Amino acid sequence: MIRRRGEPIRHDKKYKLRAGAYAILPLGFKVLLTHQAHPFPEFQLPGGGIDPGESPLAALHREVFEETGWRIAAPRRLGAFRRFTFMPEYEIWAEKLCHVYVARPVRQIMPPIEPAHSAHWASASVAIEVVGNEGDRAFLKDYFRRS
């Protein structure tokens, strides 16, 4: 069973399943986050939706690159969580199935190409404090507790 994180399910809404792949990207004593400025400002683990026919690993590489401009290597799956939320950019209520990986950031090729996104390095404690959803926070806490 995959644990639900965050807001409870609203039984008055119909949710669309949206799978995604997200990464914890540690380098030294810092971790790479993405900041999404629109539709509302929020720090997140880099990553996003898995397109139809796309593997989770291909989506992870693509999304991290789009949101941070960084290439990554050696992704390893840590687990998954579900969250139920409204996605204003798509105007849908979504059951997000979030697959979380840890990977090695190799190098930044260019600035992020995803509109309204920027890449930021943060210490583990700051990252845990600023990420905008409970699932990201739980995976960061668990990862850095073990490291």
C-alpha atoms as a PDB file:
ATOM      1  CA  MET A   1       0.000   0.000   0.000  1.00  0.00           C
ATOM      2  CA  ILE A   2       1.252   3.485  -0.891  1.00  0.00           C
ATOM      3  CA  ARG A   3       0.903   6.016   1.919  1.00  0.00           C
ATOM      4  CA  ARG A   4      -1.210   9.131   1.449  1.00  0.00           C
ATOM      5  CA  ARG A   5       0.418  12.423   2.453  1.00  0.00           C
ATOM      6  CA  GLY A   6      -1.185  15.807   2.853  1.00  0.00           C
ATOM      7  CA  GLU A   7      -4.797  16.823   2.518  1.00  0.00           C
ATOM      8  CA  PRO A   8      -7.528  14.226   3.037  1.00  0.00           C
ATOM      9  CA  ILE A   9      -9.542  12.957   0.085  1.00  0.00           C
ATOM     10  CA  ARG A  10     -12.520  15.160  -0.713  1.00  0.00           C
ATOM     11  CA  HIS A  11     -15.444  12.912  -1.505  1.00  0.00           C
ATOM     12  CA  ASP A  12     -17.227  15.712  -3.357  1.00  0.00           C
ATOM     13  CA  LYS A  13     -14.471  15.756  -6.036  1.00  0.00           C
ATOM     14  CA  LYS A  14     -13.566  13.393  -8.859  1.00  0.00           C
ATOM     15  CA  TYR A  15      -9.799  12.871  -9.028  1.00  0.00           C
ATOM     16  CA  LYS A  16      -7.731  12.110 -12.112  1.00  0.00           C
ATOM     17  CA  LEU A  17      -4.717   9.841 -11.530  1.00  0.00           C
ATOM     18  CA  ARG A  18      -1.481  11.667 -12.371  1.00  0.00           C
ATOM     19  CA  ALA A  19       1.767   9.748 -11.908  1.00  0.00           C
ATOM     20  CA  GLY A  20       5.023  11.637 -11.514  1.00  0.00           C
ATOM     21  CA  ALA A  21       8.721  11.123 -10.800  1.00  0.00           C
ATOM     22  CA  TYR A  22      10.646  13.365  -8.377  1.00  0.00           C
ATOM     23  CA  ALA A  23      14.256  13.506  -7.192  1.00  0.00           C
ATOM     24  CA  ILE A  24      16.252  14.212  -4.074  1.00  0.00           C
ATOM     25  CA  LEU A  25      19.493  15.619  -5.524  1.00  0.00           C
ATOM     26  CA  PRO A  26      22.150  15.886  -2.797  1.00  0.00           C
ATOM     27  CA  LEU A  27      25.576  17.406  -3.421  1.00  0.00           C
ATOM     28  CA  GLY A  28      27.860  17.798  -0.437  1.00  0.00           C
ATOM     29  CA  PHE A  29      25.776  19.195   2.396  1.00  0.00           C
ATOM     30  CA  LYS A  30      23.118  20.707   0.114  1.00  0.00           C
ATOM     31  CA  VAL A  31      20.178  19.514  -1.942  1.00  0.00           C
ATOM     32  CA  LEU A  32      18.853  20.927  -5.220  1.00  0.00           C
ATOM     33  CA  LEU A  33      15.268  22.174  -5.172  1.00  0.00           C
ATOM     34  CA  THR A  34      13.098  23.826  -7.762  1.00  0.00           C
ATOM     35  CA  HIS A  35      11.014  26.909  -7.039  1.00  0.00           C
ATOM     36  CA  GLN A  36       7.785  27.195  -8.979  1.00  0.00           C
ATOM     37  CA  ALA A  37       6.562  30.791  -9.009  1.00  0.00           C
ATOM     38  CA  HIS A  38       3.216  30.185 -10.735  1.00  0.00           C
ATOM     39  CA  PRO A  39       0.348  29.417 -10.123  1.00  0.00           C
ATOM     40  CA  PHE A  40       1.515  29.954  -6.522  1.00  0.00           C
ATOM     41  CA  PRO A  41       5.094  30.207  -5.166  1.00  0.00           C
ATOM     42  CA  GLU A  42       6.393  26.897  -3.845  1.00  0.00           C
ATOM     43  CA  PHE A  43       9.668  25.023  -3.350  1.00  0.00           C
ATOM     44  CA  GLN A  44       9.514  21.400  -4.522  1.00  0.00           C
ATOM     45  CA  LEU A  45      11.611  18.368  -5.262  1.00  0.00           C
ATOM     46  CA  PRO A  46      12.473  18.624  -8.969  1.00  0.00           C
ATOM     47  CA  GLY A  47      10.310  16.397 -11.130  1.00  0.00           C
ATOM     48  CA  GLY A  48       6.876  16.111 -12.573  1.00  0.00           C
ATOM     49  CA  GLY A  49       4.361  14.181 -14.585  1.00  0.00           C
ATOM     50  CA  ILE A  50       5.073  10.983 -16.463  1.00  0.00           C
ATOM     51  CA  ASP A  51       3.805  11.387 -20.033  1.00  0.00           C
ATOM     52  CA  PRO A  52       1.819   8.577 -21.722  1.00  0.00           C
ATOM     53  CA  GLY A  53       4.235   5.904 -22.969  1.00  0.00           C
ATOM     54  CA  GLU A  54       7.138   7.395 -20.993  1.00  0.00           C
ATOM     55  CA  SER A  55       8.999   5.414 -18.328  1.00  0.00           C
ATOM     56  CA  PRO A  56       9.322   6.891 -14.823  1.00  0.00           C
ATOM     57  CA  LEU A  57      13.131   7.153 -15.256  1.00  0.00           C
ATOM     58  CA  ALA A  58      12.831   8.945 -18.614  1.00  0.00           C
ATOM     59  CA  ALA A  59      10.322  11.344 -17.037  1.00  0.00           C
ATOM     60  CA  LEU A  60      12.641  11.911 -14.074  1.00  0.00           C
ATOM     61  CA  HIS A  61      15.589  12.875 -16.313  1.00  0.00           C
ATOM     62  CA  ARG A  62      13.386  15.098 -18.518  1.00  0.00           C
ATOM     63  CA  GLU A  63      11.573  16.853 -15.675  1.00  0.00           C
ATOM     64  CA  VAL A  64      14.708  17.495 -13.596  1.00  0.00           C
ATOM     65  CA  PHE A  65      16.400  18.978 -16.658  1.00  0.00           C
ATOM     66  CA  GLU A  66      13.391  21.165 -17.550  1.00  0.00           C
ATOM     67  CA  GLU A  67      12.985  22.466 -13.992  1.00  0.00           C
ATOM     68  CA  THR A  68      16.650  22.899 -13.006  1.00  0.00           C
ATOM     69  CA  GLY A  69      18.825  22.699 -16.130  1.00  0.00           C
ATOM     70  CA  TRP A  70      20.839  19.903 -14.456  1.00  0.00           C
ATOM     71  CA  ARG A  71      21.739  16.476 -15.828  1.00  0.00           C
ATOM     72  CA  ILE A  72      21.555  13.655 -13.289  1.00  0.00           C
ATOM     73  CA  ALA A  73      23.043  10.174 -12.934  1.00  0.00           C
ATOM     74  CA  ALA A  74      22.496   6.926 -11.014  1.00  0.00           C
ATOM     75  CA  PRO A  75      18.863   7.384  -9.968  1.00  0.00           C
ATOM     76  CA  ARG A  76      17.672   4.947  -7.296  1.00  0.00           C
ATOM     77  CA  ARG A  77      14.013   4.618  -6.334  1.00  0.00           C
ATOM     78  CA  LEU A  78      13.276   5.373  -2.671  1.00  0.00           C
ATOM     79  CA  GLY A  79       9.517   4.828  -2.687  1.00  0.00           C
ATOM     80  CA  ALA A  80       6.242   6.562  -3.450  1.00  0.00           C
ATOM     81  CA  PHE A  81       3.429   8.521  -1.872  1.00  0.00           C
ATOM     82  CA  ARG A  82      -0.015   9.695  -2.947  1.00  0.00           C
ATOM     83  CA  ARG A  83      -1.477  13.136  -2.523  1.00  0.00           C
ATOM     84  CA  PHE A  84      -4.874  14.483  -3.453  1.00  0.00           C
ATOM     85  CA  THR A  85      -4.835  18.085  -4.609  1.00  0.00           C
ATOM     86  CA  PHE A  86      -6.208  20.638  -7.037  1.00  0.00           C
ATOM     87  CA  MET A  87      -3.801  21.427  -9.885  1.00  0.00           C
ATOM     88  CA  PRO A  88      -4.766  24.928 -11.068  1.00  0.00           C
ATOM     89  CA  GLU A  89      -2.350  24.833 -14.025  1.00  0.00           C
ATOM     90  CA  TYR A  90      -4.387  21.904 -15.459  1.00  0.00           C
ATOM     91  CA  GLU A  91      -7.704  22.800 -13.793  1.00  0.00           C
ATOM     92  CA  ILE A  92      -8.108  19.275 -12.403  1.00  0.00           C
ATOM     93  CA  TRP A  93      -8.415  17.564  -9.057  1.00  0.00           C
ATOM     94  CA  ALA A  94      -5.588  15.035  -9.104  1.00  0.00           C
ATOM     95  CA  GLU A  95      -4.581  11.916  -7.251  1.00  0.00           C
ATOM     96  CA  LYS A  96      -0.840  12.398  -7.628  1.00  0.00           C
ATOM     97  CA  LEU A  97       1.146   9.173  -7.443  1.00  0.00           C
ATOM     98  CA  CYS A  98       4.632  10.502  -6.667  1.00  0.00           C
ATOM     99  CA  HIS A  99       7.579   8.160  -7.282  1.00  0.00           C
ATOM    100  CA  VAL A 100      10.605   9.494  -5.403  1.00  0.00           C
ATOM    101  CA  TYR A 101      14.233   8.812  -6.364  1.00  0.00           C
ATOM    102  CA  VAL A 102      17.634   9.888  -5.161  1.00  0.00           C
ATOM    103  CA  ALA A 103      20.134  10.752  -7.898  1.00  0.00           C
ATOM    104  CA  ARG A 104      23.494  12.415  -8.327  1.00  0.00           C
ATOM    105  CA  PRO A 105      23.430  15.881  -9.904  1.00  0.00           C
ATOM    106  CA  VAL A 106      26.181  15.798 -12.549  1.00  0.00           C
ATOM    107  CA  ARG A 107      26.283  19.318 -13.967  1.00  0.00           C
ATOM    108  CA  GLN A 108      24.113  22.230 -14.901  1.00  0.00           C
ATOM    109  CA  ILE A 109      23.849  22.569 -18.672  1.00  0.00           C
ATOM    110  CA  MET A 110      21.619  25.632 -18.800  1.00  0.00           C
ATOM    111  CA  PRO A 111      19.072  27.600 -16.766  1.00  0.00           C
ATOM    112  CA  PRO A 112      15.686  25.918 -16.269  1.00  0.00           C
ATOM    113  CA  ILE A 113      13.504  25.885 -19.381  1.00  0.00           C
ATOM    114  CA  GLU A 114      10.238  25.229 -17.535  1.00  0.00           C
ATOM    115  CA  PRO A 115       8.379  28.567 -17.281  1.00  0.00           C
ATOM    116  CA  ALA A 116       8.280  30.119 -13.794  1.00  0.00           C
ATOM    117  CA  HIS A 117      10.848  27.632 -12.365  1.00  0.00           C
ATOM    118  CA  SER A 118      14.252  28.330 -10.855  1.00  0.00           C
ATOM    119  CA  ALA A 119      16.886  26.052  -9.312  1.00  0.00           C
ATOM    120  CA  HIS A 120      18.090  26.574  -5.728  1.00  0.00           C
ATOM    121  CA  TRP A 121      20.576  24.834  -3.436  1.00  0.00           C
ATOM    122  CA  ALA A 122      19.541  24.519   0.207  1.00  0.00           C
ATOM    123  CA  SER A 123      20.885  22.794   3.276  1.00  0.00           C
ATOM    124  CA  ALA A 124      18.968  19.675   4.306  1.00  0.00           C
ATOM    125  CA  SER A 125      17.334  21.449   7.257  1.00  0.00           C
ATOM    126  CA  VAL A 126      16.242  24.431   5.147  1.00  0.00           C
ATOM    127  CA  ALA A 127      14.976  22.167   2.350  1.00  0.00           C
ATOM    128  CA  ILE A 128      12.870  20.164   4.800  1.00  0.00           C
ATOM    129  CA  GLU A 129      11.427  23.404   6.155  1.00  0.00           C
ATOM    130  CA  VAL A 130      10.615  25.111   2.830  1.00  0.00           C
ATOM    131  CA  VAL A 131       9.264  22.352   0.545  1.00  0.00           C
ATOM    132  CA  GLY A 132       5.594  22.881  -0.053  1.00  0.00           C
ATOM    133  CA  ASN A 133       4.119  19.443   0.414  1.00  0.00           C
ATOM    134  CA  GLU A 134       4.153  16.894   3.191  1.00  0.00           C
ATOM    135  CA  GLY A 135       5.278  14.008   0.966  1.00  0.00           C
ATOM    136  CA  ASP A 136       8.425  15.803  -0.236  1.00  0.00           C
ATOM    137  CA  ARG A 137       9.166  16.790   3.363  1.00  0.00           C
ATOM    138  CA  ALA A 138       8.786  13.202   4.644  1.00  0.00           C
ATOM    139  CA  PHE A 139      11.123  11.770   1.985  1.00  0.00           C
ATOM    140  CA  LEU A 140      13.731  14.479   2.616  1.00  0.00           C
ATOM    141  CA  LYS A 141      13.603  13.865   6.386  1.00  0.00           C
ATOM    142  CA  ASP A 142      13.960  10.110   5.921  1.00  0.00           C
ATOM    143  CA  TYR A 143      16.805  10.437   3.392  1.00  0.00           C
ATOM    144  CA  PHE A 144      18.876  12.829   5.506  1.00  0.00           C
ATOM    145  CA  ARG A 145      18.198  10.900   8.709  1.00  0.00           C
ATOM    146  CA  ARG A 146      19.838   7.863   7.056  1.00  0.00           C
ATOM    147  CA  SER A 147      22.741   9.775   5.497  1.00  0.00           C
END
